[in-house]
Amino acid sequence: MSIESPCILICSIDLKTGYCFGCGRTRGEIAEWVSYSPEARREVMAELPARLETVERKPRRETRRQRMARERQDS
């Protein structure tokens, strides 16, 4: 039996909102997803479209080299 999931394999958390860029869930929701009842999962999934509207999209994951260069510029 498979568990319904909104995961689209873009697993990165927006630091501003706390939501995953791919699915809109929080870290806690992702971690506990398998223990949720089907009803609880549907309730969370109903909220995801509105959550994803608040996430600032980023084009791709930042590479380590890009992050280090950005951090040097910010200092």
Protein backbone atom coordinates (compact mmCIF):
# COMPACT_ATOMS: atom_id res chain seq x y z
CA MET A 1 0.00 0.00 0.00
CA SER A 2 1.45 3.39 -0.98
CA ILE A 3 1.08 6.59 1.01
CA GLU A 4 -0.23 9.63 -0.81
CA SER A 5 2.44 12.33 -0.86
CA PRO A 6 2.86 15.76 -2.47
CA CYS A 7 6.63 15.27 -2.77
CA ILE A 8 8.05 16.16 -6.20
CA LEU A 9 11.69 15.45 -5.23
CA ILE A 10 12.68 19.11 -4.96
CA CYS A 11 13.63 18.93 -1.32
CA SER A 12 14.86 22.27 -0.12
CA ILE A 13 13.42 24.46 2.63
CA ASP A 14 12.75 28.17 2.11
CA LEU A 15 14.36 29.80 5.14
CA LYS A 16 11.92 32.71 5.02
CA THR A 17 8.69 30.67 5.19
CA GLY A 18 9.89 27.31 6.48
CA TYR A 19 8.15 25.53 3.61
CA CYS A 20 9.69 23.11 1.13
CA PHE A 21 10.19 24.71 -2.31
CA GLY A 22 8.87 21.56 -3.97
CA CYS A 23 5.82 20.50 -1.97
CA GLY A 24 5.10 23.26 0.55
CA ARG A 25 5.35 21.10 3.67
CA THR A 26 7.36 22.01 6.77
CA ARG A 27 10.32 19.93 7.95
CA GLY A 28 8.17 18.52 10.74
CA GLU A 29 5.39 17.53 8.36
CA ILE A 30 7.86 15.86 6.04
CA ALA A 31 9.48 13.95 8.91
CA GLU A 32 6.15 12.79 10.38
CA TRP A 33 4.28 12.25 7.10
CA VAL A 34 4.19 8.46 7.30
CA SER A 35 2.66 8.59 10.78
CA TYR A 36 -0.19 10.93 9.74
CA SER A 37 -3.64 9.48 9.14
CA PRO A 38 -4.96 9.73 5.58
CA GLU A 39 -7.32 12.48 6.77
CA ALA A 40 -4.46 14.48 8.33
CA ARG A 41 -2.41 14.16 5.13
CA ARG A 42 -5.37 15.43 3.07
CA GLU A 43 -5.81 18.39 5.42
CA VAL A 44 -2.16 19.38 5.00
CA MET A 45 -2.31 18.81 1.25
CA ALA A 46 -5.31 21.16 1.00
CA GLU A 47 -3.14 23.95 2.45
CA LEU A 48 -0.15 23.40 0.15
CA PRO A 49 -1.21 25.50 -2.88
CA ALA A 50 -1.62 28.60 -0.68
CA ARG A 51 1.69 27.92 1.06
CA LEU A 52 3.54 27.55 -2.23
CA GLU A 53 2.28 30.99 -3.26
CA THR A 54 4.29 32.47 -0.37
CA VAL A 55 7.55 30.70 -1.22
CA GLU A 56 10.04 32.69 -3.23
CA ARG A 57 11.04 30.42 -6.06
CA LYS A 58 14.68 29.87 -6.74
CA PRO A 59 15.89 28.48 -10.06
CA ARG A 60 18.01 25.55 -8.85
CA ARG A 61 19.86 24.49 -5.79
CA GLU A 62 22.78 26.68 -4.96
CA THR A 63 26.08 24.91 -5.37
CA ARG A 64 28.68 24.98 -2.63
CA ARG A 65 30.92 27.18 -4.80
CA GLN A 66 28.07 29.64 -5.44
CA ARG A 67 27.18 29.77 -1.75
CA MET A 68 30.78 30.40 -0.72
CA ALA A 69 31.09 33.20 -3.30
CA ARG A 70 27.83 34.77 -2.11
CA GLU A 71 28.92 34.57 1.53
CA ARG A 72 32.22 36.30 0.66
CA GLN A 73 30.29 39.11 -1.03
CA ASP A 74 27.90 39.47 1.94
CA SER A 75 30.74 39.81 4.47
